[in-house]
């Protein structure tokens, strides 16, 4: 059962994602700065989507083969025992009565005055698996069990790591509470209006030494450290808020959650780690580019207004 799942679903997703990663890496290296960060991010997202979909929908047109269940053939009625090769080669006349008495006639009783030569009997061939093949199968099963145990240990480690991090984040948000600074709240609402985000976004000022972070799929939150609030100017602080709101608008927390789930399942796969690293880098560049485009557009609009 485990071997069937690996060969039918996991292995095609692994090698096909490796081919996609090689193609995407070649395209990004070939075009480099001529390709915008958002498009590079979407190209790497295709590789992530292939890992997330172990079963592809069947389609007559496509560059990658799809996994379809094998066709079932109609049941063929078995041949009679007397027609099988084993019966013809290994069943002696003495054993014919036990196998098929309806089709084999009994030999005539020899006369006592005549001597008959005994019939030459064929030694039955042992059709059971040999000891060597049994040992090979047992070793293969043990090897698969060892691989599954190693994968399970790594998967449990990443589950513990992500769950503990989520618990610490929730505890931090409950302990800190949302900010009551009127200036920061007004700046946040202004940035939300300009980014056209209607969902409620909560802002938390945390004592940890972090710059800024956004999290939450259903209930988005922005975390900013106290050091950033003290040291950054209002314009720089506005840029930080716009950057984090851009993450929320692009649903990057949901993609990050999907990446965590895929890391639990594909943690031994180096293609996943390469895709994660490239997507995180291109995601930050894409958000910075989106904020710069918005600032340029707002500047042009403010200049054209009387």
Protein backbone atom coordinates (compact mmCIF):
# COMPACT_ATOMS: atom_id res chain seq x y z
CA UNK A 1 0.00 0.00 0.00
CA UNK A 2 2.78 2.44 0.93
CA UNK A 3 4.78 1.60 -2.18
CA UNK A 4 1.72 2.15 -4.38
CA UNK A 5 1.13 5.61 -2.85
CA UNK A 6 4.77 6.58 -3.32
CA UNK A 7 4.99 5.41 -6.92
CA UNK A 8 1.57 6.64 -7.99
CA UNK A 9 1.26 10.04 -6.29
CA UNK A 10 4.36 11.23 -4.41
CA UNK A 11 7.07 10.31 -6.90
CA UNK A 12 5.40 11.98 -9.95
CA UNK A 13 4.88 15.17 -7.93
CA UNK A 14 8.55 15.14 -6.87
CA UNK A 15 10.15 14.68 -10.28
CA UNK A 16 7.69 16.90 -12.12
CA UNK A 17 8.20 19.70 -9.57
CA UNK A 18 11.97 19.29 -10.03
CA UNK A 19 11.56 19.78 -13.79
CA UNK A 20 9.36 22.84 -13.22
CA UNK A 21 11.87 24.29 -10.74
CA UNK A 22 14.68 23.86 -13.27
CA UNK A 23 12.61 25.58 -15.98
CA UNK A 24 11.56 28.44 -13.68
CA UNK A 25 15.11 28.90 -12.43
CA UNK A 26 16.39 29.07 -16.00
CA UNK A 27 13.74 31.62 -16.99
CA UNK A 28 14.45 33.85 -13.98
CA UNK A 29 18.20 33.71 -14.61
CA UNK A 30 17.72 34.42 -18.30
CA UNK A 31 15.50 37.48 -17.91
CA UNK A 32 16.57 38.63 -14.42
CA UNK A 33 15.70 42.33 -14.02
CA UNK A 34 13.59 42.39 -17.19
CA UNK A 35 11.00 40.24 -15.40
CA UNK A 36 9.08 41.95 -12.61
CA UNK A 37 9.25 40.41 -9.10
CA UNK A 38 5.53 39.61 -9.05
CA UNK A 39 5.89 37.49 -12.19
CA UNK A 40 8.92 35.69 -10.78
CA UNK A 41 6.91 35.05 -7.64
CA UNK A 42 4.02 33.60 -9.67
CA UNK A 43 6.40 31.35 -11.60
CA UNK A 44 7.74 29.84 -8.39
CA UNK A 45 4.17 29.55 -7.13
CA UNK A 46 3.53 27.12 -10.02
CA UNK A 47 6.16 24.78 -8.57
CA UNK A 48 4.54 25.06 -5.15
CA UNK A 49 1.13 24.33 -6.67
CA UNK A 50 2.50 21.17 -8.32
CA UNK A 51 3.67 19.90 -4.94
CA UNK A 52 0.30 20.79 -3.42
CA UNK A 53 -1.58 18.81 -6.10
CA UNK A 54 -0.28 15.23 -6.11
CA UNK A 55 -3.14 14.26 -8.44
CA UNK A 56 -3.54 16.37 -11.57
CA UNK A 57 -6.89 16.62 -13.35
CA UNK A 58 -6.99 14.60 -16.53
CA UNK A 59 -6.68 16.71 -19.65
CA UNK A 60 -6.03 15.83 -23.32
CA UNK A 61 -3.60 18.76 -23.58
CA UNK A 62 -0.70 19.24 -21.17
CA UNK A 63 3.05 19.15 -20.81
CA UNK A 64 3.03 16.88 -17.77
CA UNK A 65 1.44 13.43 -17.62
CA UNK A 66 -1.51 13.07 -15.31
CA UNK A 67 -2.14 10.33 -12.80
CA UNK A 68 -5.20 8.39 -13.89
CA UNK A 69 -6.35 5.12 -12.37
CA UNK A 70 -5.50 2.04 -14.43
CA UNK A 71 -8.18 0.74 -16.73
CA UNK A 72 -10.00 -2.31 -15.53
CA UNK A 73 -10.38 -5.10 -18.05
CA UNK A 74 -13.26 -7.50 -18.24
CA UNK A 75 -12.89 -10.65 -16.24
CA UNK A 76 -11.73 -13.59 -18.36
CA UNK A 77 -13.11 -16.97 -17.33
CA UNK A 78 -10.30 -19.24 -16.22
CA UNK A 79 -9.35 -22.16 -18.37
CA UNK A 80 -10.08 -25.67 -17.29
CA UNK A 81 -7.56 -27.47 -15.22
CA UNK A 82 -6.71 -29.89 -17.95
CA UNK A 83 -5.83 -26.99 -20.32
CA UNK A 84 -3.37 -25.30 -18.00
CA UNK A 85 0.36 -25.66 -18.76
CA UNK A 86 1.06 -26.85 -15.22
CA UNK A 87 -1.30 -29.78 -15.63
CA UNK A 88 0.15 -30.72 -19.00
CA UNK A 89 3.73 -30.73 -17.73
CA UNK A 90 3.69 -31.77 -14.10
CA UNK A 91 0.63 -33.96 -13.54
CA UNK A 92 1.38 -37.65 -13.95
CA UNK A 93 -1.19 -40.21 -15.04
CA UNK A 94 -1.28 -41.57 -11.50
CA UNK A 95 -2.42 -38.13 -10.15
CA UNK A 96 -4.80 -37.39 -13.00
CA UNK A 97 -7.75 -38.97 -11.18
CA UNK A 98 -7.32 -36.57 -8.25
CA UNK A 99 -7.15 -33.47 -10.45
CA UNK A 100 -9.69 -33.99 -13.22
CA UNK A 101 -11.44 -37.40 -13.07
CA UNK A 102 -14.13 -36.25 -15.49
CA UNK A 103 -11.72 -35.55 -18.35
CA UNK A 104 -9.00 -38.22 -17.89
CA UNK A 105 -9.84 -41.88 -18.48
CA UNK A 106 -8.33 -44.61 -16.38
CA UNK A 107 -5.53 -46.63 -18.03
CA UNK A 108 -6.32 -50.22 -19.03
CA UNK A 109 -5.28 -52.94 -16.58
CA UNK A 110 -2.31 -54.82 -18.02
CA UNK A 111 -2.59 -58.53 -18.56
CA UNK A 112 -0.71 -60.63 -16.01
CA UNK A 113 1.01 -62.49 -18.83
CA UNK A 114 2.55 -59.36 -20.28
CA UNK A 115 5.14 -57.09 -18.66
CA UNK A 116 4.79 -53.37 -19.01
CA UNK A 117 7.42 -50.73 -18.64
CA UNK A 118 6.68 -48.21 -15.88
CA UNK A 119 5.60 -44.78 -17.06
CA UNK A 120 8.18 -42.05 -16.75
CA UNK A 121 7.00 -39.50 -14.19
CA UNK A 122 7.98 -35.85 -14.22
CA UNK A 123 9.16 -34.32 -10.97
CA UNK A 124 6.86 -31.42 -9.99
CA UNK A 125 8.53 -28.06 -10.02
CA UNK A 126 8.44 -26.12 -6.80
CA UNK A 127 6.46 -22.94 -7.61
CA UNK A 128 6.86 -21.39 -4.15
CA UNK A 129 9.24 -18.35 -3.86
CA UNK A 130 12.79 -19.18 -3.03
CA UNK A 131 14.45 -18.22 0.20
CA UNK A 132 16.58 -15.63 -1.56
CA UNK A 133 13.64 -13.81 -3.13
CA UNK A 134 11.83 -13.86 0.22
CA UNK A 135 14.82 -12.24 1.89
CA UNK A 136 14.95 -9.53 -0.81
CA UNK A 137 11.27 -8.74 -0.33
CA UNK A 138 11.71 -8.60 3.46
CA UNK A 139 14.71 -6.27 3.15
CA UNK A 140 12.74 -4.00 0.82
CA UNK A 141 9.86 -3.83 3.26
CA UNK A 142 12.21 -3.02 6.13
CA UNK A 143 13.89 -0.30 4.06
CA UNK A 144 10.52 1.29 3.30
CA UNK A 145 9.60 1.10 6.99
CA UNK A 146 12.86 2.81 7.98
CA UNK A 147 12.28 5.57 5.43
CA UNK A 148 8.75 6.08 6.68
CA UNK A 149 9.99 6.26 10.29
CA UNK A 150 12.59 8.90 9.36
CA UNK A 151 10.00 10.90 7.43
CA UNK A 152 7.54 10.67 10.33
CA UNK A 153 10.13 11.95 12.82
CA UNK A 154 10.90 14.95 10.62
CA UNK A 155 7.20 15.64 10.01
CA UNK A 156 6.46 15.57 13.73
CA UNK A 157 9.37 17.95 14.36
CA UNK A 158 8.01 20.51 11.91
CA UNK A 159 4.49 20.09 13.28
CA UNK A 160 5.77 20.80 16.79
CA UNK A 161 7.81 23.75 15.54
CA UNK A 162 4.94 25.41 13.70
CA UNK A 163 2.31 24.73 16.35
CA UNK A 164 4.54 26.06 19.14
CA UNK A 165 5.30 29.19 17.10
CA UNK A 166 1.58 29.77 16.52
CA UNK A 167 0.89 29.37 20.24
CA UNK A 168 3.63 31.88 21.14
CA UNK A 169 2.24 34.34 18.60
CA UNK A 170 -1.29 34.08 20.00
CA UNK A 171 0.02 34.47 23.55
CA UNK A 172 2.00 37.54 22.50
CA UNK A 173 -1.02 39.18 20.86
CA UNK A 174 -3.19 38.54 23.90
CA UNK A 175 -0.59 39.95 26.26
CA UNK A 176 0.25 43.07 24.25
CA UNK A 177 -3.25 44.11 23.08
CA UNK A 178 -3.84 46.42 20.14
CA UNK A 179 -2.31 49.87 20.02
CA UNK A 180 -4.30 52.89 21.18
CA UNK A 181 -2.06 55.48 19.57
CA UNK A 182 -4.38 57.78 17.62
CA UNK A 183 -1.67 58.76 15.14
CA UNK A 184 -0.78 55.14 14.32
CA UNK A 185 -4.42 54.12 13.98
CA UNK A 186 -5.14 57.07 11.70
CA UNK A 187 -2.09 56.25 9.60
CA UNK A 188 -3.16 52.60 9.39
CA UNK A 189 -6.69 53.52 8.26
CA UNK A 190 -5.30 55.92 5.67
CA UNK A 191 -2.99 53.23 4.28
CA UNK A 192 -5.84 50.73 4.20
CA UNK A 193 -7.99 53.17 2.26
CA UNK A 194 -5.23 53.79 -0.27
CA UNK A 195 -4.54 50.05 -0.63
CA UNK A 196 -8.30 49.39 -0.93
CA UNK A 197 -8.37 46.87 1.92
CA UNK A 198 -11.77 46.71 3.59
CA UNK A 199 -11.02 43.97 6.06
CA UNK A 200 -10.25 44.89 9.62
CA UNK A 201 -6.51 44.84 10.30
CA UNK A 202 -5.25 45.01 13.87
CA UNK A 203 -1.98 46.68 14.77
CA UNK A 204 0.17 45.39 17.66
CA UNK A 205 3.24 47.06 19.17
CA UNK A 206 5.46 44.25 20.48
CA UNK A 207 8.63 44.54 22.61
CA UNK A 208 10.47 41.87 20.60
CA UNK A 209 13.37 42.97 18.40
CA UNK A 210 11.63 42.57 15.06
CA UNK A 211 11.03 45.13 12.36
CA UNK A 212 7.53 44.30 11.22
CA UNK A 213 5.49 41.23 10.30
CA UNK A 214 2.00 40.38 9.08
CA UNK A 215 0.10 37.24 9.96
CA UNK A 216 -3.40 35.84 10.13
CA UNK A 217 -5.47 34.44 7.29
CA UNK A 218 -9.00 35.20 8.49
CA UNK A 219 -8.11 37.89 11.03
CA UNK A 220 -5.04 39.74 9.68
CA UNK A 221 -2.64 41.36 12.11
CA UNK A 222 0.42 43.57 11.79
CA UNK A 223 3.19 43.40 14.38
CA UNK A 224 5.65 46.30 14.75
CA UNK A 225 8.37 46.51 17.36
CA UNK A 226 8.75 49.41 19.74
CA UNK A 227 12.20 50.14 18.33
CA UNK A 228 10.71 50.82 14.89
CA UNK A 229 8.13 53.17 16.38
CA UNK A 230 10.85 55.15 18.19
CA UNK A 231 13.48 55.29 15.45
CA UNK A 232 11.51 55.50 12.20
CA UNK A 233 10.14 58.74 10.80
CA UNK A 234 6.42 59.03 9.93
CA UNK A 235 7.17 58.57 6.21
CA UNK A 236 9.27 55.46 6.84
CA UNK A 237 6.64 54.13 9.22
CA UNK A 238 3.99 54.68 6.56
CA UNK A 239 6.10 52.72 4.08
CA UNK A 240 6.35 49.85 6.59
CA UNK A 241 2.58 49.79 7.04
CA UNK A 242 2.02 49.84 3.28
CA UNK A 243 4.46 46.98 2.85
CA UNK A 244 2.69 44.81 5.41
CA UNK A 245 -0.72 45.73 4.01
CA UNK A 246 0.52 44.67 0.61
CA UNK A 247 1.25 41.23 2.07
CA UNK A 248 -2.30 41.06 3.42
CA UNK A 249 -3.81 42.22 0.14
CA UNK A 250 -1.90 39.54 -1.80
CA UNK A 251 -3.00 36.84 0.71
CA UNK A 252 0.61 36.03 1.52
CA UNK A 253 -0.29 34.68 5.01
CA UNK A 254 -2.44 32.01 3.33
CA UNK A 255 0.42 31.09 0.98
CA UNK A 256 2.75 30.96 3.97
CA UNK A 257 0.36 28.57 5.73
CA UNK A 258 0.25 26.35 2.63
CA UNK A 259 4.03 26.37 2.50
CA UNK A 260 4.18 25.19 6.11
CA UNK A 261 1.81 22.31 5.38
CA UNK A 262 3.86 21.29 2.35
CA UNK A 263 7.04 21.48 4.42
CA UNK A 264 5.56 18.92 6.82
CA UNK A 265 4.81 16.56 3.94
CA UNK A 266 7.87 17.18 1.69
CA UNK A 267 10.57 18.19 4.15
CA UNK A 268 13.20 15.78 2.67
CA UNK A 269 12.66 17.27 -0.81
CA UNK A 270 15.31 19.90 -1.68
CA UNK A 271 13.07 21.33 -4.42
CA UNK A 272 10.63 22.47 -1.74
CA UNK A 273 13.30 24.34 0.20
CA UNK A 274 14.59 26.01 -2.97
CA UNK A 275 11.05 27.04 -3.90
CA UNK A 276 10.41 28.41 -0.41
CA UNK A 277 13.58 30.48 -0.42
CA UNK A 278 12.93 31.90 -3.89
CA UNK A 279 9.28 32.66 -3.13
CA UNK A 280 10.10 34.46 0.11
CA UNK A 281 12.73 36.59 -1.62
CA UNK A 282 10.52 37.44 -4.59
CA UNK A 283 7.56 38.09 -2.31
CA UNK A 284 9.41 40.82 -0.43
CA UNK A 285 10.62 42.37 -3.68
CA UNK A 286 7.11 42.22 -5.13
CA UNK A 287 5.62 43.99 -2.10
CA UNK A 288 8.28 46.70 -2.22
CA UNK A 289 7.66 47.21 -5.93
CA UNK A 290 3.89 47.38 -5.37
CA UNK A 291 4.29 50.01 -2.65
CA UNK A 292 6.62 52.10 -4.84
CA UNK A 293 4.13 51.96 -7.70
CA UNK A 294 1.34 53.10 -5.38
CA UNK A 295 3.44 55.95 -4.03
CA UNK A 296 4.31 57.12 -7.53
CA UNK A 297 0.67 57.00 -8.56
CA UNK A 298 -0.42 58.97 -5.49
CA UNK A 299 2.30 61.53 -6.15
CA UNK A 300 1.14 62.03 -9.74
CA UNK A 301 -2.47 62.36 -8.62
CA UNK A 302 -1.57 64.92 -5.98
CA UNK A 303 0.36 66.97 -8.53
CA UNK A 304 -2.46 66.96 -11.08
CA UNK A 305 -5.04 68.11 -8.57
CA UNK A 306 -5.58 71.90 -8.43
